[in-house]
């Protein structure tokens, strides 16, 4: 799956999912450990502890892989094979522990059944769970334990764990697919914008370039026989080229024109989609194009810093115009350090950009709230 490993919101959800899946680990460790405590033979207890430790480590690795979509397929497969090997190793090491007194391996089997939603599709998972039940019955019978009890533990408890695990994995998959959908939507929007630009360039230049090529070819043919007419054709080709260049420059200027209100709204949506409660106060009325472009650069830098360099829960973006000054204020909580040093490089760059227009940028931290304020003078 193609998911950005730097996605802070996804990482937070991943930690919660991993914590909830860790209930499997507690089932694996605590209940079979009760059998180790009841085993009178020290050697058998030691070997059982080794088998239990190997299985637990492999299980933790598989749980980690289940909620790490950016993990390589080969690494994921190795972890699954390690779990299978640890489960097979546990049979001779943990199966005889507390024989007849405690269903030690049956509890381990319950954990295996509970993990089937992470490893297999539903049909294959049912077959695997049936196989684990059969193994649990054989191990219990071979060690003189009560088979019905072992089947109840492995089947009943395992089915409960599997149901919980399945729901947790389903929610996780839905979240990952939603993030993938958002990324795909962004890529599609960029592709559509490139296509639109290509169409505009074709519409602007296609006809003119065709006519210029024909005029140049005609001038070339007329040059030996009618120099005066060839000159007129060449002049016409030059005029068309100049006209096309003017239209291209106008189009590029249109692409560079910044709608600051749209930029503010877009940054607000990005922050909200990342789990940050964002309040947006857009500017009243239109601002001069140079001022809007400068403040848009500050806004993009501020939004990036909120996502990358803080654990913000809320953010407020406000643009005001008063007494010949336009002020952009971005405030957020979740500051990770005591000052704005982490942004000093970006702030210097923004200050250099605003300086020719007489603008200023300043940053401060107060009571755990980071504030970035940019001011640019504007004529009435």
Protein backbone atom coordinates (compact mmCIF):
# COMPACT_ATOMS: atom_id res chain seq x y z
CA UNK A 1 0.00 0.00 0.00
CA UNK A 2 1.24 3.47 -0.86
CA UNK A 3 0.88 5.48 2.31
CA UNK A 4 3.08 8.33 3.51
CA UNK A 5 4.99 7.13 6.57
CA UNK A 6 5.28 10.78 7.71
CA UNK A 7 1.48 11.18 7.96
CA UNK A 8 1.13 12.31 11.60
CA UNK A 9 -2.59 11.61 11.84
CA UNK A 10 -2.18 8.12 10.41
CA UNK A 11 0.67 7.42 12.81
CA UNK A 12 -1.48 8.39 15.79
CA UNK A 13 -4.26 6.07 14.62
CA UNK A 14 -1.67 3.37 14.01
CA UNK A 15 -0.43 3.58 17.59
CA UNK A 16 -3.98 3.27 18.94
CA UNK A 17 -4.68 0.26 16.69
CA UNK A 18 -1.41 -1.39 17.66
CA UNK A 19 -2.20 -0.88 21.34
CA UNK A 20 -5.62 -2.48 20.96
CA UNK A 21 -4.13 -5.41 19.03
CA UNK A 22 -1.63 -5.90 21.83
CA UNK A 23 -4.36 -7.62 23.85
CA UNK A 24 -3.33 -10.69 21.85
CA UNK A 25 0.15 -10.44 23.30
CA UNK A 26 -1.18 -10.34 26.86
CA UNK A 27 -3.28 -13.41 26.16
CA UNK A 28 -0.18 -15.13 24.79
CA UNK A 29 2.11 -14.20 27.67
CA UNK A 30 0.01 -14.22 30.82
CA UNK A 31 -2.16 -17.31 30.48
CA UNK A 32 0.49 -19.73 29.19
CA UNK A 33 2.81 -18.24 31.83
CA UNK A 34 0.40 -19.56 34.43
CA UNK A 35 1.22 -23.03 33.12
CA UNK A 36 4.95 -22.32 33.45
CA UNK A 37 4.36 -21.38 37.08
CA UNK A 38 2.63 -24.75 37.67
CA UNK A 39 5.32 -26.84 35.98
CA UNK A 40 7.38 -28.73 38.63
CA UNK A 41 10.22 -29.69 36.26
CA UNK A 42 12.69 -26.74 36.00
CA UNK A 43 14.10 -27.92 32.66
CA UNK A 44 10.68 -28.28 31.12
CA UNK A 45 9.66 -24.88 32.50
CA UNK A 46 12.81 -23.29 31.04
CA UNK A 47 12.24 -24.83 27.62
CA UNK A 48 8.61 -23.73 27.75
CA UNK A 49 9.67 -20.18 28.58
CA UNK A 50 12.01 -20.19 25.57
CA UNK A 51 9.21 -21.36 23.30
CA UNK A 52 6.81 -18.79 24.73
CA UNK A 53 9.35 -15.97 24.31
CA UNK A 54 10.05 -16.94 20.68
CA UNK A 55 6.33 -17.02 19.89
CA UNK A 56 5.71 -13.68 21.61
CA UNK A 57 8.51 -11.94 19.70
CA UNK A 58 7.23 -13.32 16.40
CA UNK A 59 3.68 -12.32 17.27
CA UNK A 60 4.70 -8.76 18.11
CA UNK A 61 6.52 -8.55 14.78
CA UNK A 62 3.40 -9.70 12.90
CA UNK A 63 1.19 -7.23 14.79
CA UNK A 64 3.60 -4.43 13.90
CA UNK A 65 3.57 -5.47 10.24
CA UNK A 66 -0.24 -5.56 10.19
CA UNK A 67 -0.45 -1.81 10.90
CA UNK A 68 2.62 -0.74 8.92
CA UNK A 69 1.38 -0.41 5.33
CA UNK A 70 4.70 1.00 4.10
CA UNK A 71 6.57 -2.16 5.15
CA UNK A 72 8.11 -4.07 2.24
CA UNK A 73 6.26 -7.22 1.14
CA UNK A 74 9.37 -9.38 1.61
CA UNK A 75 9.80 -8.20 5.20
CA UNK A 76 6.13 -8.84 5.91
CA UNK A 77 6.40 -12.38 4.52
CA UNK A 78 9.48 -13.11 6.65
CA UNK A 79 7.58 -12.11 9.79
CA UNK A 80 4.69 -14.37 8.92
CA UNK A 81 7.06 -17.30 8.35
CA UNK A 82 8.79 -16.54 11.65
CA UNK A 83 5.41 -16.79 13.43
CA UNK A 84 4.68 -20.15 11.78
CA UNK A 85 8.14 -21.42 12.82
CA UNK A 86 7.65 -20.18 16.39
CA UNK A 87 4.21 -21.85 16.59
CA UNK A 88 5.68 -25.18 15.43
CA UNK A 89 8.58 -24.81 17.87
CA UNK A 90 6.15 -24.19 20.71
CA UNK A 91 4.58 -27.64 20.30
CA UNK A 92 7.48 -29.66 21.77
CA UNK A 93 8.63 -26.87 24.10
CA UNK A 94 5.35 -25.62 25.54
CA UNK A 95 2.98 -28.51 24.90
CA UNK A 96 4.13 -30.71 27.81
CA UNK A 97 4.25 -27.83 30.33
CA UNK A 98 1.87 -28.35 33.29
CA UNK A 99 0.49 -31.45 31.56
CA UNK A 100 -2.99 -32.27 32.84
CA UNK A 101 -3.00 -29.37 35.29
CA UNK A 102 -3.31 -26.38 32.93
CA UNK A 103 -4.13 -26.12 29.20
CA UNK A 104 -0.89 -24.25 28.47
CA UNK A 105 -0.68 -24.76 24.72
CA UNK A 106 -4.45 -24.35 24.34
CA UNK A 107 -4.08 -20.71 25.41
CA UNK A 108 -1.32 -20.27 22.85
CA UNK A 109 -3.62 -21.84 20.27
CA UNK A 110 -6.33 -19.32 21.20
CA UNK A 111 -3.89 -16.54 20.41
CA UNK A 112 -3.11 -18.17 17.05
CA UNK A 113 -6.81 -18.41 16.22
CA UNK A 114 -7.22 -14.78 17.21
CA UNK A 115 -4.51 -13.73 14.77
CA UNK A 116 -6.01 -15.37 11.69
CA UNK A 117 -7.73 -12.12 10.51
CA UNK A 118 -4.26 -10.54 10.32
CA UNK A 119 -2.75 -13.33 8.25
CA UNK A 120 -5.42 -14.92 6.06
CA UNK A 121 -8.61 -14.31 4.15
CA UNK A 122 -11.83 -15.43 5.87
CA UNK A 123 -12.11 -18.85 4.18
CA UNK A 124 -8.44 -19.68 4.71
CA UNK A 125 -8.68 -18.32 8.25
CA UNK A 126 -11.50 -20.73 9.12
CA UNK A 127 -9.46 -23.66 7.80
CA UNK A 128 -6.40 -22.52 9.76
CA UNK A 129 -8.44 -22.10 12.96
CA UNK A 130 -9.84 -25.62 12.50
CA UNK A 131 -6.30 -26.93 12.14
CA UNK A 132 -5.21 -25.15 15.32
CA UNK A 133 -8.19 -26.64 17.16
CA UNK A 134 -7.18 -30.10 15.99
CA UNK A 135 -3.58 -29.56 17.12
CA UNK A 136 -4.78 -28.29 20.50
CA UNK A 137 -6.91 -31.42 20.97
CA UNK A 138 -4.01 -33.72 19.99
CA UNK A 139 -1.52 -31.96 22.28
CA UNK A 140 -3.95 -32.00 25.20
CA UNK A 141 -4.83 -35.66 24.70
CA UNK A 142 -1.14 -36.60 24.39
CA UNK A 143 -0.32 -34.85 27.66
CA UNK A 144 -3.29 -36.31 29.55
CA UNK A 145 -5.32 -33.13 29.80
CA UNK A 146 -9.09 -32.61 29.33
CA UNK A 147 -9.70 -32.22 25.61
CA UNK A 148 -13.11 -30.43 25.98
CA UNK A 149 -11.48 -27.75 28.11
CA UNK A 150 -8.70 -27.28 25.59
CA UNK A 151 -11.17 -27.00 22.72
CA UNK A 152 -13.26 -24.49 24.68
CA UNK A 153 -10.18 -22.35 25.40
CA UNK A 154 -8.70 -22.54 21.92
CA UNK A 155 -12.00 -22.27 20.07
CA UNK A 156 -14.10 -20.04 22.29
CA UNK A 157 -11.46 -17.59 23.49
CA UNK A 158 -9.74 -17.68 20.11
CA UNK A 159 -12.99 -16.83 18.29
CA UNK A 160 -13.55 -13.87 20.61
CA UNK A 161 -10.05 -12.56 20.02
CA UNK A 162 -10.45 -13.12 16.26
CA UNK A 163 -13.70 -11.10 16.24
CA UNK A 164 -12.09 -8.18 18.05
CA UNK A 165 -9.00 -8.36 15.87
CA UNK A 166 -11.10 -8.46 12.72
CA UNK A 167 -13.00 -5.31 13.69
CA UNK A 168 -9.79 -3.50 14.59
CA UNK A 169 -8.10 -4.48 11.34
CA UNK A 170 -11.20 -3.50 9.35
CA UNK A 171 -11.24 -0.02 10.89
CA UNK A 172 -7.52 0.33 10.22
CA UNK A 173 -7.93 -0.74 6.57
CA UNK A 174 -10.78 1.74 6.12
CA UNK A 175 -8.60 4.54 7.48
CA UNK A 176 -5.66 3.60 5.26
CA UNK A 177 -7.90 3.43 2.19
CA UNK A 178 -9.36 6.84 3.05
CA UNK A 179 -5.87 8.35 3.25
CA UNK A 180 -4.95 6.66 -0.02
CA UNK A 181 -8.09 8.12 -1.57
CA UNK A 182 -7.14 11.60 -0.41
CA UNK A 183 -3.66 11.20 -1.89
CA UNK A 184 -5.11 9.88 -5.16
CA UNK A 185 -7.53 12.80 -5.29
CA UNK A 186 -4.64 15.25 -4.88
CA UNK A 187 -2.67 13.52 -7.65
CA UNK A 188 -5.73 13.58 -9.90
CA UNK A 189 -6.23 17.29 -9.28
CA UNK A 190 -2.58 17.95 -10.18
CA UNK A 191 -2.91 15.84 -13.34
CA UNK A 192 -6.09 17.68 -14.36
CA UNK A 193 -4.32 21.00 -13.82
CA UNK A 194 -1.42 19.88 -16.02
CA UNK A 195 -3.88 18.81 -18.73
CA UNK A 196 -5.68 22.12 -18.50
CA UNK A 197 -2.40 23.98 -18.84
CA UNK A 198 -1.46 21.83 -21.84
CA UNK A 199 -4.82 22.55 -23.49
CA UNK A 200 -4.44 26.28 -22.86
CA UNK A 201 -0.95 26.32 -24.33
CA UNK A 202 -2.17 24.39 -27.38
CA UNK A 203 -5.12 26.72 -27.86
CA UNK A 204 -2.88 29.76 -27.50
CA UNK A 205 0.01 28.68 -29.68
CA UNK A 206 -1.24 25.91 -31.97
CA UNK A 207 -2.86 28.10 -34.62
CA UNK A 208 -0.25 30.89 -34.47
CA UNK A 209 2.71 28.53 -34.77
CA UNK A 210 1.08 26.77 -37.74
CA UNK A 211 0.54 30.08 -39.54
CA UNK A 212 4.07 31.27 -38.67
CA UNK A 213 5.53 28.05 -40.12
CA UNK A 214 3.53 28.50 -43.35
CA UNK A 215 4.51 32.19 -43.62
CA UNK A 216 8.18 31.35 -43.10
CA UNK A 217 8.04 28.60 -45.71
CA UNK A 218 6.33 30.96 -48.19
CA UNK A 219 8.91 33.67 -47.55
CA UNK A 220 11.69 31.15 -48.15
CA UNK A 221 10.19 30.15 -51.53
CA UNK A 222 9.55 33.74 -52.60
CA UNK A 223 12.96 35.08 -51.64
CA UNK A 224 14.71 34.15 -54.95
CA UNK A 225 11.89 35.46 -57.21
CA UNK A 226 10.02 38.18 -55.28
CA UNK A 227 12.07 39.69 -52.51
CA UNK A 228 9.56 42.40 -51.65
CA UNK A 229 6.72 39.96 -51.07
CA UNK A 230 9.03 37.59 -49.19
CA UNK A 231 9.87 40.48 -46.87
CA UNK A 232 6.19 41.16 -46.26
CA UNK A 233 5.58 37.51 -45.41
CA UNK A 234 8.55 37.47 -43.04
CA UNK A 235 7.30 40.64 -41.35
CA UNK A 236 3.87 39.07 -40.95
CA UNK A 237 5.45 35.96 -39.38
CA UNK A 238 7.38 38.20 -36.96
CA UNK A 239 4.17 40.04 -36.03
CA UNK A 240 2.36 36.78 -35.36
CA UNK A 241 5.26 35.57 -33.21
CA UNK A 242 5.20 38.77 -31.16
CA UNK A 243 1.42 38.48 -30.74
CA UNK A 244 1.71 34.86 -29.61
CA UNK A 245 4.43 35.82 -27.11
CA UNK A 246 2.20 38.55 -25.67
CA UNK A 247 -0.69 36.11 -25.20
CA UNK A 248 1.58 33.54 -23.56
CA UNK A 249 2.89 36.14 -21.12
CA UNK A 250 -0.66 37.19 -20.29
CA UNK A 251 -1.64 33.57 -19.69
CA UNK A 252 1.36 32.95 -17.44
CA UNK A 253 0.53 36.08 -15.48
CA UNK A 254 -2.98 34.73 -15.00
CA UNK A 255 -1.58 31.46 -13.64
CA UNK A 256 0.64 33.38 -11.24
CA UNK A 257 -2.21 35.51 -9.92
CA UNK A 258 -3.00 34.41 -6.36
CA UNK A 259 -6.47 34.39 -4.84
CA UNK A 260 -5.52 34.78 -1.18
CA UNK A 261 -8.99 33.87 0.08
CA UNK A 262 -8.82 30.58 -1.83
CA UNK A 263 -5.32 29.93 -0.48
CA UNK A 264 -6.50 30.51 3.10
CA UNK A 265 -9.47 28.20 2.62
CA UNK A 266 -7.29 25.52 1.02
CA UNK A 267 -4.73 25.57 3.85
CA UNK A 268 -7.58 25.38 6.35
CA UNK A 269 -8.98 22.29 4.62
CA UNK A 270 -5.56 20.62 4.60
CA UNK A 271 -5.15 21.23 8.33
CA UNK A 272 -8.63 19.92 9.09
CA UNK A 273 -8.01 16.78 7.05
CA UNK A 274 -4.90 16.23 9.19
CA UNK A 275 -6.91 16.35 12.41
CA UNK A 276 -6.25 20.00 13.33
CA UNK A 277 -9.28 22.11 14.31
CA UNK A 278 -8.81 25.15 12.10
CA UNK A 279 -10.58 28.52 12.24
CA UNK A 280 -10.20 30.67 9.14
CA UNK A 281 -10.92 34.40 8.88
CA UNK A 282 -10.48 35.39 5.23
CA UNK A 283 -9.60 38.91 4.10
CA UNK A 284 -12.45 41.29 3.41
CA UNK A 285 -12.22 42.46 -0.18
CA UNK A 286 -9.47 42.01 -2.73
CA UNK A 287 -5.83 42.77 -2.06
CA UNK A 288 -3.24 43.96 -4.58
CA UNK A 289 -1.72 41.03 -6.46
CA UNK A 290 1.86 41.51 -5.11
CA UNK A 291 0.61 41.68 -1.51
CA UNK A 292 -1.57 38.60 -1.99
CA UNK A 293 1.35 36.66 -3.50
CA UNK A 294 3.69 37.58 -0.62
CA UNK A 295 1.15 36.67 2.08
CA UNK A 296 0.27 33.43 0.29
CA UNK A 297 3.95 32.40 0.54
CA UNK A 298 3.90 33.12 4.29
CA UNK A 299 0.64 31.20 4.66
CA UNK A 300 2.00 28.11 2.90
CA UNK A 301 5.13 28.13 5.06
CA UNK A 302 3.05 28.54 8.22
CA UNK A 303 0.71 25.68 7.27
CA UNK A 304 3.66 23.41 6.52
CA UNK A 305 5.23 24.21 9.89
CA UNK A 306 1.99 23.46 11.74
CA UNK A 307 1.90 19.99 10.19
CA UNK A 308 5.59 19.13 10.37
CA UNK A 309 6.90 20.83 13.47
CA UNK A 310 4.08 20.72 16.01
CA UNK A 311 1.44 18.49 17.52
CA UNK A 312 -1.25 21.07 16.97
CA UNK A 313 -4.79 20.40 18.09
CA UNK A 314 -6.07 23.76 16.87
CA UNK A 315 -4.98 26.54 14.54
CA UNK A 316 -6.38 29.99 13.76
CA UNK A 317 -5.63 31.81 10.50
CA UNK A 318 -6.71 35.44 10.27
CA UNK A 319 -6.08 38.18 7.71
CA UNK A 320 -7.00 41.78 8.55
CA UNK A 321 -6.56 45.11 6.77
CA UNK A 322 -6.30 48.27 8.84
CA UNK A 323 -4.50 51.63 8.68
CA UNK A 324 -2.65 50.82 5.48
CA UNK A 325 -1.38 47.44 6.73
CA UNK A 326 -2.45 43.93 5.85
CA UNK A 327 -1.72 41.48 8.70
CA UNK A 328 -1.64 37.70 8.45
CA UNK A 329 -1.73 35.93 11.83
CA UNK A 330 -1.33 32.17 12.23
CA UNK A 331 -1.57 30.77 15.78
CA UNK A 332 -1.46 27.14 16.90
CA UNK A 333 -0.90 25.06 19.98
CA UNK A 334 1.22 21.92 20.29
CA UNK A 335 4.58 23.70 20.23
CA UNK A 336 7.39 21.17 20.74
CA UNK A 337 10.06 23.56 22.05
CA UNK A 338 10.41 26.86 23.83
CA UNK A 339 10.97 29.17 20.90
CA UNK A 340 10.82 29.79 17.18
CA UNK A 341 14.41 28.69 16.48
CA UNK A 342 13.18 25.67 14.56
CA UNK A 343 11.58 28.04 12.05
CA UNK A 344 14.38 30.59 11.89
CA UNK A 345 15.57 29.55 8.42
CA UNK A 346 12.09 29.73 6.98
CA UNK A 347 11.40 33.01 8.77
CA UNK A 348 14.54 34.58 7.35
CA UNK A 349 13.51 33.55 3.85
CA UNK A 350 10.03 35.00 4.32
CA UNK A 351 11.44 38.19 5.83
CA UNK A 352 13.73 38.60 2.81
CA UNK A 353 10.76 38.16 0.50
CA UNK A 354 8.62 40.75 2.29
CA UNK A 355 11.41 43.28 2.85
CA UNK A 356 11.28 44.91 -0.64
CA UNK A 357 7.59 45.70 -0.07
CA UNK A 358 8.29 47.03 3.44
CA UNK A 359 6.81 43.95 5.10
CA UNK A 360 7.86 42.21 8.32
CA UNK A 361 7.59 38.72 9.81
CA UNK A 362 7.82 37.92 13.50
CA UNK A 363 7.27 34.78 15.57
CA UNK A 364 6.68 34.21 19.27
CA UNK A 365 5.67 31.54 21.76
CA UNK A 366 3.47 32.29 24.75
CA UNK A 367 1.76 29.78 27.05
CA UNK A 368 2.45 26.96 24.61
CA UNK A 369 0.92 28.83 21.65
CA UNK A 370 3.06 29.67 18.62
CA UNK A 371 2.21 32.85 16.72
CA UNK A 372 3.45 33.85 13.28
CA UNK A 373 2.56 37.40 12.23
CA UNK A 374 3.33 38.92 8.83
CA UNK A 375 2.53 42.54 7.96
CA UNK A 376 2.68 44.18 4.54
CA UNK A 377 1.86 47.84 3.81
CA UNK A 378 -0.81 48.46 1.19
CA UNK A 379 -2.02 51.62 -0.43
CA UNK A 380 -5.69 52.48 -0.31
